[in-house]
PDB file of N, CA and C in Angstrom:
ATOM      1  N   MET A   1      96.952 122.242  82.566  1.00  0.00           N
ATOM      2  CA  MET A   1      95.799 121.993  81.732  1.00  0.00           C
ATOM      3  C   MET A   1      94.627 122.764  82.314  1.00  0.00           C
ATOM      4  N   THR A   2      93.802 123.344  81.468  1.00  0.00           N
ATOM      5  CA  THR A   2      92.660 124.133  81.937  1.00  0.00           C
ATOM      6  C   THR A   2      91.460 123.234  82.155  1.00  0.00           C
ATOM      7  N   GLU A   3      90.628 123.644  83.078  1.00  0.00           N
ATOM      8  CA  GLU A   3      89.400 122.906  83.363  1.00  0.00           C
ATOM      9  C   GLU A   3      88.359 123.200  82.289  1.00  0.00           C
ATOM     10  N   ALA A   4      87.528 122.215  81.984  1.00  0.00           N
ATOM     11  CA  ALA A   4      86.449 122.411  81.022  1.00  0.00           C
ATOM     12  C   ALA A   4      85.353 123.244  81.679  1.00  0.00           C
ATOM     13  N   PRO A   5      84.593 124.000  80.898  1.00  0.00           N
ATOM     14  CA  PRO A   5      83.489 124.795  81.453  1.00  0.00           C
ATOM     15  C   PRO A   5      82.480 123.904  82.174  1.00  0.00           C
ATOM     16  N   ALA A   6      81.772 124.484  83.131  1.00  0.00           N
ATOM     17  CA  ALA A   6      80.820 123.727  83.945  1.00  0.00           C
ATOM     18  C   ALA A   6      79.753 123.032  83.108  1.00  0.00           C
ATOM     19  N   GLY A   7      79.335 123.624  81.985  1.00  0.00           N
ATOM     20  CA  GLY A   7      78.293 123.029  81.153  1.00  0.00           C
ATOM     21  C   GLY A   7      78.810 121.995  80.166  1.00  0.00           C
ATOM     22  N   ALA A   8      80.104 121.730  80.181  1.00  0.00           N
ATOM     23  CA  ALA A   8      80.692 120.775  79.237  1.00  0.00           C
ATOM     24  C   ALA A   8      80.215 119.362  79.549  1.00  0.00           C
ATOM     25  N   SER A   9      80.251 118.524  78.544  1.00  0.00           N
ATOM     26  CA  SER A   9      79.838 117.136  78.741  1.00  0.00           C
ATOM     27  C   SER A   9      80.821 116.421  79.668  1.00  0.00           C
ATOM     28  N   LEU A  10      80.388 115.311  80.193  1.00  0.00           N
ATOM     29  CA  LEU A  10      81.241 114.524  81.074  1.00  0.00           C
ATOM     30  C   LEU A  10      82.521 114.131  80.353  1.00  0.00           C
ATOM     31  N   VAL A  11      82.412 113.714  79.105  1.00  0.00           N
ATOM     32  CA  VAL A  11      83.595 113.337  78.336  1.00  0.00           C
ATOM     33  C   VAL A  11      84.564 114.514  78.252  1.00  0.00           C
ATOM     34  N   GLN A  12      84.050 115.700  77.979  1.00  0.00           N
ATOM     35  CA  GLN A  12      84.910 116.885  77.883  1.00  0.00           C
ATOM     36  C   GLN A  12      85.555 117.213  79.230  1.00  0.00           C
ATOM     37  N   ARG A  13      84.773 117.113  80.296  1.00  0.00           N
ATOM     38  CA  ARG A  13      85.317 117.426  81.623  1.00  0.00           C
ATOM     39  C   ARG A  13      86.420 116.440  82.017  1.00  0.00           C
ATOM     40  N   LEU A  14      86.192 115.173  81.726  1.00  0.00           N
ATOM     41  CA  LEU A  14      87.204 114.176  82.068  1.00  0.00           C
ATOM     42  C   LEU A  14      88.441 114.321  81.181  1.00  0.00           C
ATOM     43  N   THR A  15      88.229 114.570  79.901  1.00  0.00           N
ATOM     44  CA  THR A  15      89.348 114.752  78.974  1.00  0.00           C
ATOM     45  C   THR A  15      90.213 115.931  79.400  1.00  0.00           C
ATOM     46  N   ALA A  16      89.600 116.958  79.926  1.00  0.00           N
ATOM     47  CA  ALA A  16      90.344 118.145  80.365  1.00  0.00           C
ATOM     48  C   ALA A  16      91.287 117.828  81.528  1.00  0.00           C
ATOM     49  N   GLN A  17      91.051 116.733  82.228  1.00  0.00           N
ATOM     50  CA  GLN A  17      91.879 116.380  83.382  1.00  0.00           C
ATOM     51  C   GLN A  17      93.072 115.486  83.034  1.00  0.00           C
ATOM     52  N   ILE A  18      93.150 115.028  81.785  1.00  0.00           N
ATOM     53  CA  ILE A  18      94.278 114.199  81.367  1.00  0.00           C
ATOM     54  C   ILE A  18      95.559 115.010  81.502  1.00  0.00           C
ATOM     55  N   ASP A  19      96.597 114.359  81.950  1.00  0.00           N
ATOM     56  CA  ASP A  19      97.916 114.961  82.190  1.00  0.00           C
ATOM     57  C   ASP A  19      97.902 115.989  83.323  1.00  0.00           C
ATOM     58  N   SER A  20      96.877 115.963  84.143  1.00  0.00           N
ATOM     59  CA  SER A  20      96.825 116.816  85.333  1.00  0.00           C
ATOM     60  C   SER A  20      97.201 115.946  86.535  1.00  0.00           C
ATOM     61  N   PRO A  21      97.289 116.531  87.706  1.00  0.00           N
ATOM     62  CA  PRO A  21      97.581 115.716  88.897  1.00  0.00           C
ATOM     63  C   PRO A  21      96.523 114.636  89.162  1.00  0.00           C
ATOM     64  N   ARG A  22      95.335 114.792  88.614  1.00  0.00           N
ATOM     65  CA  ARG A  22      94.255 113.807  88.818  1.00  0.00           C
ATOM     66  C   ARG A  22      94.330 112.632  87.855  1.00  0.00           C
ATOM     67  N   ASP A  23      95.254 112.682  86.895  1.00  0.00           N
ATOM     68  CA  ASP A  23      95.345 111.641  85.876  1.00  0.00           C
ATOM     69  C   ASP A  23      95.764 110.322  86.508  1.00  0.00           C
ATOM     70  N   GLY A  24      95.220 109.251  86.002  1.00  0.00           N
ATOM     71  CA  GLY A  24      95.553 107.919  86.494  1.00  0.00           C
ATOM     72  C   GLY A  24      94.550 106.912  85.977  1.00  0.00           C
ATOM     73  N   ALA A  25      94.621 105.708  86.517  1.00  0.00           N
ATOM     74  CA  ALA A  25      93.759 104.628  86.065  1.00  0.00           C
ATOM     75  C   ALA A  25      92.276 104.961  86.232  1.00  0.00           C
ATOM     76  N   LEU A  26      91.912 105.546  87.371  1.00  0.00           N
ATOM     77  CA  LEU A  26      90.506 105.859  87.614  1.00  0.00           C
ATOM     78  C   LEU A  26      89.987 106.898  86.618  1.00  0.00           C
ATOM     79  N   LEU A  27      90.751 107.933  86.355  1.00  0.00           N
ATOM     80  CA  LEU A  27      90.327 108.946  85.390  1.00  0.00           C
ATOM     81  C   LEU A  27      90.165 108.327  84.007  1.00  0.00           C
ATOM     82  N   ARG A  28      91.143 107.549  83.572  1.00  0.00           N
ATOM     83  CA  ARG A  28      91.076 106.948  82.230  1.00  0.00           C
ATOM     84  C   ARG A  28      89.913 105.956  82.142  1.00  0.00           C
ATOM     85  N   TYR A  29      89.677 105.192  83.222  1.00  0.00           N
ATOM     86  CA  TYR A  29      88.536 104.281  83.239  1.00  0.00           C
ATOM     87  C   TYR A  29      87.221 105.065  83.197  1.00  0.00           C
ATOM     88  N   SER A  30      87.125 106.123  83.978  1.00  0.00           N
ATOM     89  CA  SER A  30      85.908 106.944  83.992  1.00  0.00           C
ATOM     90  C   SER A  30      85.634 107.535  82.616  1.00  0.00           C
ATOM     91  N   LEU A  31      86.684 107.966  81.944  1.00  0.00           N
ATOM     92  CA  LEU A  31      86.542 108.496  80.594  1.00  0.00           C
ATOM     93  C   LEU A  31      86.107 107.398  79.633  1.00  0.00           C
ATOM     94  N   ALA A  32      86.682 106.221  79.752  1.00  0.00           N
ATOM     95  CA  ALA A  32      86.278 105.089  78.911  1.00  0.00           C
ATOM     96  C   ALA A  32      84.810 104.754  79.136  1.00  0.00           C
ATOM     97  N   SER A  33      84.378 104.758  80.377  1.00  0.00           N
ATOM     98  CA  SER A  33      82.984 104.461  80.700  1.00  0.00           C
ATOM     99  C   SER A  33      82.049 105.511  80.113  1.00  0.00           C
ATOM    100  N   ALA A  34      82.430 106.785  80.206  1.00  0.00           N
ATOM    101  CA  ALA A  34      81.617 107.860  79.636  1.00  0.00           C
ATOM    102  C   ALA A  34      81.548 107.732  78.119  1.00  0.00           C
ATOM    103  N   LEU A  35      82.656 107.376  77.497  1.00  0.00           N
ATOM    104  CA  LEU A  35      82.668 107.193  76.044  1.00  0.00           C
ATOM    105  C   LEU A  35      81.796 106.014  75.632  1.00  0.00           C
ATOM    106  N   ALA A  36      81.880 104.922  76.381  1.00  0.00           N
ATOM    107  CA  ALA A  36      81.044 103.756  76.086  1.00  0.00           C
ATOM    108  C   ALA A  36      79.563 104.118  76.218  1.00  0.00           C
ATOM    109  N   SER A  37      79.226 104.865  77.249  1.00  0.00           N
ATOM    110  CA  SER A  37      77.838 105.298  77.453  1.00  0.00           C
ATOM    111  C   SER A  37      77.370 106.240  76.351  1.00  0.00           C
ATOM    112  N   ALA A  38      78.317 106.964  75.762  1.00  0.00           N
ATOM    113  CA  ALA A  38      77.989 107.894  74.676  1.00  0.00           C
ATOM    114  C   ALA A  38      77.958 107.198  73.315  1.00  0.00           C
ATOM    115  N   GLY A  39      78.098 105.877  73.316  1.00  0.00           N
ATOM    116  CA  GLY A  39      78.045 105.134  72.056  1.00  0.00           C
ATOM    117  C   GLY A  39      79.326 105.192  71.252  1.00  0.00           C
ATOM    118  N   LYS A  40      80.448 105.343  71.938  1.00  0.00           N
ATOM    119  CA  LYS A  40      81.749 105.418  71.263  1.00  0.00           C
ATOM    120  C   LYS A  40      82.673 104.312  71.780  1.00  0.00           C
ATOM    121  N   PRO A  41      82.346 103.052  71.452  1.00  0.00           N
ATOM    122  CA  PRO A  41      83.128 101.943  72.004  1.00  0.00           C
ATOM    123  C   PRO A  41      84.574 101.903  71.528  1.00  0.00           C
ATOM    124  N   ALA A  42      84.866 102.345  70.308  1.00  0.00           N
ATOM    125  CA  ALA A  42      86.256 102.333  69.838  1.00  0.00           C
ATOM    126  C   ALA A  42      87.114 103.281  70.668  1.00  0.00           C
ATOM    127  N   ALA A  43      86.588 104.443  70.978  1.00  0.00           N
ATOM    128  CA  ALA A  43      87.317 105.392  71.831  1.00  0.00           C
ATOM    129  C   ALA A  43      87.438 104.836  73.249  1.00  0.00           C
ATOM    130  N   ALA A  44      86.401 104.136  73.697  1.00  0.00           N
ATOM    131  CA  ALA A  44      86.441 103.529  75.027  1.00  0.00           C
ATOM    132  C   ALA A  44      87.548 102.485  75.111  1.00  0.00           C
ATOM    133  N   VAL A  45      87.751 101.735  74.032  1.00  0.00           N
ATOM    134  CA  VAL A  45      88.819 100.730  74.002  1.00  0.00           C
ATOM    135  C   VAL A  45      90.164 101.384  74.292  1.00  0.00           C
ATOM    136  N   GLU A  46      90.443 102.470  73.600  1.00  0.00           N
ATOM    137  CA  GLU A  46      91.732 103.145  73.786  1.00  0.00           C
ATOM    138  C   GLU A  46      91.904 103.658  75.209  1.00  0.00           C
ATOM    139  N   ARG A  47      90.862 104.231  75.776  1.00  0.00           N
ATOM    140  CA  ARG A  47      90.960 104.754  77.148  1.00  0.00           C
ATOM    141  C   ARG A  47      91.087 103.630  78.166  1.00  0.00           C
ATOM    142  N   CYS A  48      90.436 102.494  77.914  1.00  0.00           N
ATOM    143  CA  CYS A  48      90.602 101.333  78.804  1.00  0.00           C
ATOM    144  C   CYS A  48      92.050 100.865  78.786  1.00  0.00           C
ATOM    145  N   ARG A  49      92.623 100.810  77.599  1.00  0.00           N
ATOM    146  CA  ARG A  49      94.022 100.384  77.491  1.00  0.00           C
ATOM    147  C   ARG A  49      94.940 101.348  78.236  1.00  0.00           C
ATOM    148  N   GLU A  50      94.630 102.631  78.167  1.00  0.00           N
ATOM    149  CA  GLU A  50      95.412 103.614  78.918  1.00  0.00           C
ATOM    150  C   GLU A  50      95.269 103.387  80.423  1.00  0.00           C
ATOM    151  N   ALA A  51      94.042 103.123  80.879  1.00  0.00           N
ATOM    152  CA  ALA A  51      93.816 102.850  82.308  1.00  0.00           C
ATOM    153  C   ALA A  51      94.627 101.640  82.750  1.00  0.00           C
ATOM    154  N   LEU A  52      94.670 100.636  81.896  1.00  0.00           N
ATOM    155  CA  LEU A  52      95.392  99.414  82.247  1.00  0.00           C
ATOM    156  C   LEU A  52      96.903  99.596  82.217  1.00  0.00           C
ATOM    157  N   ARG A  53      97.390 100.573  81.490  1.00  0.00           N
ATOM    158  CA  ARG A  53      98.819 100.892  81.553  1.00  0.00           C
ATOM    159  C   ARG A  53      99.156 101.494  82.929  1.00  0.00           C
ATOM    160  N   PHE A  54      98.219 102.244  83.492  1.00  0.00           N
ATOM    161  CA  PHE A  54      98.413 102.779  84.843  1.00  0.00           C
ATOM    162  C   PHE A  54      98.301 101.670  85.889  1.00  0.00           C
ATOM    163  N   ASP A  55      97.332 100.770  85.721  1.00  0.00           N
ATOM    164  CA  ASP A  55      97.097  99.703  86.705  1.00  0.00           C
ATOM    165  C   ASP A  55      96.623  98.447  85.979  1.00  0.00           C
ATOM    166  N   PRO A  56      97.542  97.520  85.661  1.00  0.00           N
ATOM    167  CA  PRO A  56      97.170  96.311  84.923  1.00  0.00           C
ATOM    168  C   PRO A  56      96.268  95.352  85.705  1.00  0.00           C
ATOM    169  N   ARG A  57      96.054  95.619  86.979  1.00  0.00           N
ATOM    170  CA  ARG A  57      95.169  94.749  87.775  1.00  0.00           C
ATOM    171  C   ARG A  57      93.792  95.374  87.990  1.00  0.00           C
ATOM    172  N   TYR A  58      93.462  96.392  87.237  1.00  0.00           N
ATOM    173  CA  TYR A  58      92.183  97.109  87.387  1.00  0.00           C
ATOM    174  C   TYR A  58      91.085  96.287  86.695  1.00  0.00           C
ATOM    175  N   SER A  59      90.425  95.433  87.457  1.00  0.00           N
ATOM    176  CA  SER A  59      89.481  94.479  86.875  1.00  0.00           C
ATOM    177  C   SER A  59      88.299  95.145  86.176  1.00  0.00           C
ATOM    178  N   ALA A  60      87.815  96.261  86.674  1.00  0.00           N
ATOM    179  CA  ALA A  60      86.699  96.948  86.012  1.00  0.00           C
ATOM    180  C   ALA A  60      87.111  97.437  84.625  1.00  0.00           C
ATOM    181  N   ALA A  61      88.359  97.865  84.482  1.00  0.00           N
ATOM    182  CA  ALA A  61      88.843  98.312  83.174  1.00  0.00           C
ATOM    183  C   ALA A  61      88.946  97.132  82.210  1.00  0.00           C
ATOM    184  N   TRP A  62      89.353  95.976  82.696  1.00  0.00           N
ATOM    185  CA  TRP A  62      89.392  94.784  81.846  1.00  0.00           C
ATOM    186  C   TRP A  62      87.986  94.424  81.378  1.00  0.00           C
ATOM    187  N   LYS A  63      87.036  94.480  82.290  1.00  0.00           N
ATOM    188  CA  LYS A  63      85.653  94.135  81.941  1.00  0.00           C
ATOM    189  C   LYS A  63      85.107  95.092  80.892  1.00  0.00           C
ATOM    190  N   LEU A  64      85.326  96.381  81.063  1.00  0.00           N
ATOM    191  CA  LEU A  64      84.858  97.368  80.085  1.00  0.00           C
ATOM    192  C   LEU A  64      85.611  97.221  78.766  1.00  0.00           C
ATOM    193  N   LEU A  65      86.890  96.896  78.823  1.00  0.00           N
ATOM    194  CA  LEU A  65      87.651  96.668  77.595  1.00  0.00           C
ATOM    195  C   LEU A  65      87.054  95.509  76.820  1.00  0.00           C
ATOM    196  N   GLY A  66      86.766  94.422  77.493  1.00  0.00           N
ATOM    197  CA  GLY A  66      86.158  93.267  76.823  1.00  0.00           C
ATOM    198  C   GLY A  66      84.824  93.619  76.194  1.00  0.00           C
ATOM    199  N   ARG A  67      83.989  94.320  76.932  1.00  0.00           N
ATOM    200  CA  ARG A  67      82.681  94.716  76.403  1.00  0.00           C
ATOM    201  C   ARG A  67      82.827  95.646  75.198  1.00  0.00           C
ATOM    202  N   SER A  68      83.726  96.610  75.304  1.00  0.00           N
ATOM    203  CA  SER A  68      83.912  97.571  74.215  1.00  0.00           C
ATOM    204  C   SER A  68      84.480  96.898  72.972  1.00  0.00           C
ATOM    205  N   LEU A  69      85.426  95.987  73.156  1.00  0.00           N
ATOM    206  CA  LEU A  69      85.970  95.258  72.015  1.00  0.00           C
ATOM    207  C   LEU A  69      84.884  94.419  71.340  1.00  0.00           C
ATOM    208  N   ALA A  70      84.035  93.789  72.138  1.00  0.00           N
ATOM    209  CA  ALA A  70      82.930  93.013  71.567  1.00  0.00           C
ATOM    210  C   ALA A  70      81.993  93.922  70.776  1.00  0.00           C
ATOM    211  N   GLU A  71      81.755  95.121  71.272  1.00  0.00           N
ATOM    212  CA  GLU A  71      80.860  96.051  70.589  1.00  0.00           C
ATOM    213  C   GLU A  71      81.413  96.528  69.247  1.00  0.00           C
ATOM    214  N   VAL A  72      82.745  96.591  69.133  1.00  0.00           N
ATOM    215  CA  VAL A  72      83.324  97.006  67.845  1.00  0.00           C
ATOM    216  C   VAL A  72      83.568  95.805  66.927  1.00  0.00           C
ATOM    217  N   GLY A  73      83.169  94.622  67.371  1.00  0.00           N
ATOM    218  CA  GLY A  73      83.269  93.436  66.530  1.00  0.00           C
ATOM    219  C   GLY A  73      84.551  92.653  66.650  1.00  0.00           C
ATOM    220  N   ASP A  74      85.365  92.949  67.643  1.00  0.00           N
ATOM    221  CA  ASP A  74      86.624  92.228  67.854  1.00  0.00           C
ATOM    222  C   ASP A  74      86.407  91.159  68.925  1.00  0.00           C
ATOM    223  N   SER A  75      85.755  90.071  68.528  1.00  0.00           N
ATOM    224  CA  SER A  75      85.435  89.009  69.486  1.00  0.00           C
ATOM    225  C   SER A  75      86.670  88.352  70.070  1.00  0.00           C
ATOM    226  N   SER A  76      87.676  88.098  69.238  1.00  0.00           N
ATOM    227  CA  SER A  76      88.880  87.446  69.771  1.00  0.00           C
ATOM    228  C   SER A  76      89.605  88.377  70.741  1.00  0.00           C
ATOM    229  N   GLY A  77      89.648  89.666  70.433  1.00  0.00           N
ATOM    230  CA  GLY A  77      90.246  90.629  71.358  1.00  0.00           C
ATOM    231  C   GLY A  77      89.464  90.715  72.650  1.00  0.00           C
ATOM    232  N   ALA A  78      88.135  90.676  72.535  1.00  0.00           N
ATOM    233  CA  ALA A  78      87.281  90.721  73.724  1.00  0.00           C
ATOM    234  C   ALA A  78      87.513  89.490  74.598  1.00  0.00           C
ATOM    235  N   MET A  79      87.611  88.319  73.957  1.00  0.00           N
ATOM    236  CA  MET A  79      87.841  87.098  74.729  1.00  0.00           C
ATOM    237  C   MET A  79      89.186  87.165  75.450  1.00  0.00           C
ATOM    238  N   GLN A  80      90.210  87.690  74.784  1.00  0.00           N
ATOM    239  CA  GLN A  80      91.518  87.804  75.435  1.00  0.00           C
ATOM    240  C   GLN A  80      91.463  88.811  76.579  1.00  0.00           C
ATOM    241  N   ALA A  81      90.751  89.909  76.377  1.00  0.00           N
ATOM    242  CA  ALA A  81      90.609  90.901  77.454  1.00  0.00           C
ATOM    243  C   ALA A  81      89.923  90.270  78.664  1.00  0.00           C
ATOM    244  N   TYR A  82      88.891  89.484  78.419  1.00  0.00           N
ATOM    245  CA  TYR A  82      88.215  88.817  79.535  1.00  0.00           C
ATOM    246  C   TYR A  82      89.143  87.819  80.225  1.00  0.00           C
ATOM    247  N   ARG A  83      89.930  87.068  79.447  1.00  0.00           N
ATOM    248  CA  ARG A  83      90.873  86.124  80.066  1.00  0.00           C
ATOM    249  C   ARG A  83      91.879  86.871  80.946  1.00  0.00           C
ATOM    250  N   ASP A  84      92.434  87.939  80.399  1.00  0.00           N
ATOM    251  CA  ASP A  84      93.388  88.738  81.178  1.00  0.00           C
ATOM    252  C   ASP A  84      92.711  89.367  82.393  1.00  0.00           C
ATOM    253  N   GLY A  85      91.480  89.805  82.197  1.00  0.00           N
ATOM    254  CA  GLY A  85      90.720  90.399  83.295  1.00  0.00           C
ATOM    255  C   GLY A  85      90.392  89.404  84.390  1.00  0.00           C
ATOM    256  N   ILE A  86      90.088  88.188  84.003  1.00  0.00           N
ATOM    257  CA  ILE A  86      89.811  87.133  84.985  1.00  0.00           C
ATOM    258  C   ILE A  86      91.054  86.890  85.833  1.00  0.00           C
ATOM    259  N   ALA A  87      92.206  86.833  85.180  1.00  0.00           N
ATOM    260  CA  ALA A  87      93.464  86.630  85.916  1.00  0.00           C
ATOM    261  C   ALA A  87      93.735  87.813  86.854  1.00  0.00           C
ATOM    262  N   ALA A  88      93.508  89.026  86.365  1.00  0.00           N
ATOM    263  CA  ALA A  88      93.729  90.217  87.192  1.00  0.00           C
ATOM    264  C   ALA A  88      92.774  90.244  88.380  1.00  0.00           C
ATOM    265  N   ALA A  89      91.511  89.921  88.127  1.00  0.00           N
ATOM    266  CA  ALA A  89      90.517  89.920  89.203  1.00  0.00           C
ATOM    267  C   ALA A  89      90.842  88.848  90.243  1.00  0.00           C
ATOM    268  N   ALA A  90      91.274  87.682  89.777  1.00  0.00           N
ATOM    269  CA  ALA A  90      91.627  86.606  90.709  1.00  0.00           C
ATOM    270  C   ALA A  90      92.812  87.024  91.577  1.00  0.00           C
ATOM    271  N   ALA A  91      93.807  87.665  90.962  1.00  0.00           N
ATOM    272  CA  ALA A  91      94.987  88.108  91.716  1.00  0.00           C
ATOM    273  C   ALA A  91      94.623  89.171  92.738  1.00  0.00           C
ATOM    274  N   ARG A  92      93.624  89.946  92.427  1.00  0.00           N
ATOM    275  CA  ARG A  92      93.213  91.042  93.308  1.00  0.00           C
ATOM    276  C   ARG A  92      92.168  90.601  94.340  1.00  0.00           C
ATOM    277  N   GLY A  93      91.611  89.410  94.130  1.00  0.00           N
ATOM    278  CA  GLY A  93      90.572  88.922  95.032  1.00  0.00           C
ATOM    279  C   GLY A  93      89.195  89.487  94.719  1.00  0.00           C
ATOM    280  N   ASP A  94      89.018  89.993  93.511  1.00  0.00           N
ATOM    281  CA  ASP A  94      87.746  90.582  93.085  1.00  0.00           C
ATOM    282  C   ASP A  94      86.881  89.483  92.463  1.00  0.00           C
ATOM    283  N   ARG A  95      86.262  88.703  93.319  1.00  0.00           N
ATOM    284  CA  ARG A  95      85.517  87.516  92.882  1.00  0.00           C
ATOM    285  C   ARG A  95      84.309  87.854  92.004  1.00  0.00           C
ATOM    286  N   GLN A  96      83.614  88.948  92.293  1.00  0.00           N
ATOM    287  CA  GLN A  96      82.435  89.309  91.504  1.00  0.00           C
ATOM    288  C   GLN A  96      82.826  89.645  90.067  1.00  0.00           C
ATOM    289  N   ALA A  97      83.855  90.450  89.890  1.00  0.00           N
ATOM    290  CA  ALA A  97      84.308  90.800  88.543  1.00  0.00           C
ATOM    291  C   ALA A  97      84.801  89.557  87.810  1.00  0.00           C
ATOM    292  N   GLU A  98      85.503  88.708  88.527  1.00  0.00           N
ATOM    293  CA  GLU A  98      85.987  87.455  87.929  1.00  0.00           C
ATOM    294  C   GLU A  98      84.817  86.617  87.422  1.00  0.00           C
ATOM    295  N   LYS A  99      83.795  86.489  88.243  1.00  0.00           N
ATOM    296  CA  LYS A  99      82.612  85.694  87.884  1.00  0.00           C
ATOM    297  C   LYS A  99      81.902  86.300  86.668  1.00  0.00           C
ATOM    298  N   GLU A 100      81.721  87.627  86.668  1.00  0.00           N
ATOM    299  CA  GLU A 100      81.041  88.287  85.550  1.00  0.00           C
ATOM    300  C   GLU A 100      81.815  88.098  84.252  1.00  0.00           C
ATOM    301  N   MET A 101      83.129  88.278  84.310  1.00  0.00           N
ATOM    302  CA  MET A 101      83.925  88.132  83.092  1.00  0.00           C
ATOM    303  C   MET A 101      83.927  86.698  82.591  1.00  0.00           C
ATOM    304  N   ARG A 102      83.859  85.720  83.487  1.00  0.00           N
ATOM    305  CA  ARG A 102      83.751  84.321  83.054  1.00  0.00           C
ATOM    306  C   ARG A 102      82.454  84.103  82.266  1.00  0.00           C
ATOM    307  N   VAL A 103      81.379  84.695  82.737  1.00  0.00           N
ATOM    308  CA  VAL A 103      80.093  84.572  82.043  1.00  0.00           C
ATOM    309  C   VAL A 103      80.178  85.217  80.657  1.00  0.00           C
ATOM    310  N   PHE A 104      80.734  86.436  80.584  1.00  0.00           N
ATOM    311  CA  PHE A 104      80.859  87.126  79.303  1.00  0.00           C
ATOM    312  C   PHE A 104      81.760  86.354  78.347  1.00  0.00           C
ATOM    313  N   LEU A 105      82.846  85.788  78.875  1.00  0.00           N
ATOM    314  CA  LEU A 105      83.757  84.996  78.052  1.00  0.00           C
ATOM    315  C   LEU A 105      83.052  83.757  77.500  1.00  0.00           C
ATOM    316  N   GLN A 106      82.302  83.088  78.341  1.00  0.00           N
ATOM    317  CA  GLN A 106      81.573  81.893  77.903  1.00  0.00           C
ATOM    318  C   GLN A 106      80.568  82.222  76.810  1.00  0.00           C
ATOM    319  N   ARG A 107      79.891  83.365  76.939  1.00  0.00           N
ATOM    320  CA  ARG A 107      78.934  83.779  75.913  1.00  0.00           C
ATOM    321  C   ARG A 107      79.630  84.014  74.579  1.00  0.00           C
ATOM    322  N   LEU A 108      80.771  84.692  74.620  1.00  0.00           N
ATOM    323  CA  LEU A 108      81.504  84.942  73.375  1.00  0.00           C
ATOM    324  C   LEU A 108      82.024  83.651  72.764  1.00  0.00           C
ATOM    325  N   GLN A 109      82.525  82.744  73.613  1.00  0.00           N
ATOM    326  CA  GLN A 109      83.021  81.466  73.110  1.00  0.00           C
ATOM    327  C   GLN A 109      81.907  80.654  72.477  1.00  0.00           C
ATOM    328  N   LYS A 110      80.736  80.686  73.109  1.00  0.00           N
ATOM    329  CA  LYS A 110      79.585  79.952  72.576  1.00  0.00           C
ATOM    330  C   LYS A 110      79.164  80.533  71.232  1.00  0.00           C
ATOM    331  N   ALA A 111      79.165  81.848  71.114  1.00  0.00           N
ATOM    332  CA  ALA A 111      78.777  82.508  69.858  1.00  0.00           C
ATOM    333  C   ALA A 111      79.794  82.222  68.758  1.00  0.00           C
ATOM    334  N   ALA A 112      81.069  82.042  69.136  1.00  0.00           N
ATOM    335  CA  ALA A 112      82.125  81.764  68.160  1.00  0.00           C
ATOM    336  C   ALA A 112      82.078  80.335  67.645  1.00  0.00           C
ATOM    337  N   ASP A 113      81.495  79.441  68.418  1.00  0.00           N
ATOM    338  CA  ASP A 113      81.432  78.004  68.008  1.00  0.00           C
ATOM    339  C   ASP A 113      80.379  77.738  66.971  1.00  0.00           C
TER     340      ASP A 113
END
């Protein structure tokens, strides 16, 4: 795969690295984060899911997946992502991510009631 030009956007530079030796959960998460920052939450959802296929215990990817799903209006999907993310964070010992996702989950549950 060829590298993107130096002046290319972050999304383009990261996309150019897919299927290269650098590909993995971190690359897919970084791409999802760049897409979310660019106002493309639906694309971020797909990249988060790809990151989680590489590493299902990647708590930051679960958190971003939940946020991105909420942004596209999929509250039930977001709540499930947070539940799965809480379990992943607990298994990994990532207490801060677990705590944050619990707060986000509670907010969504409250809004749904």
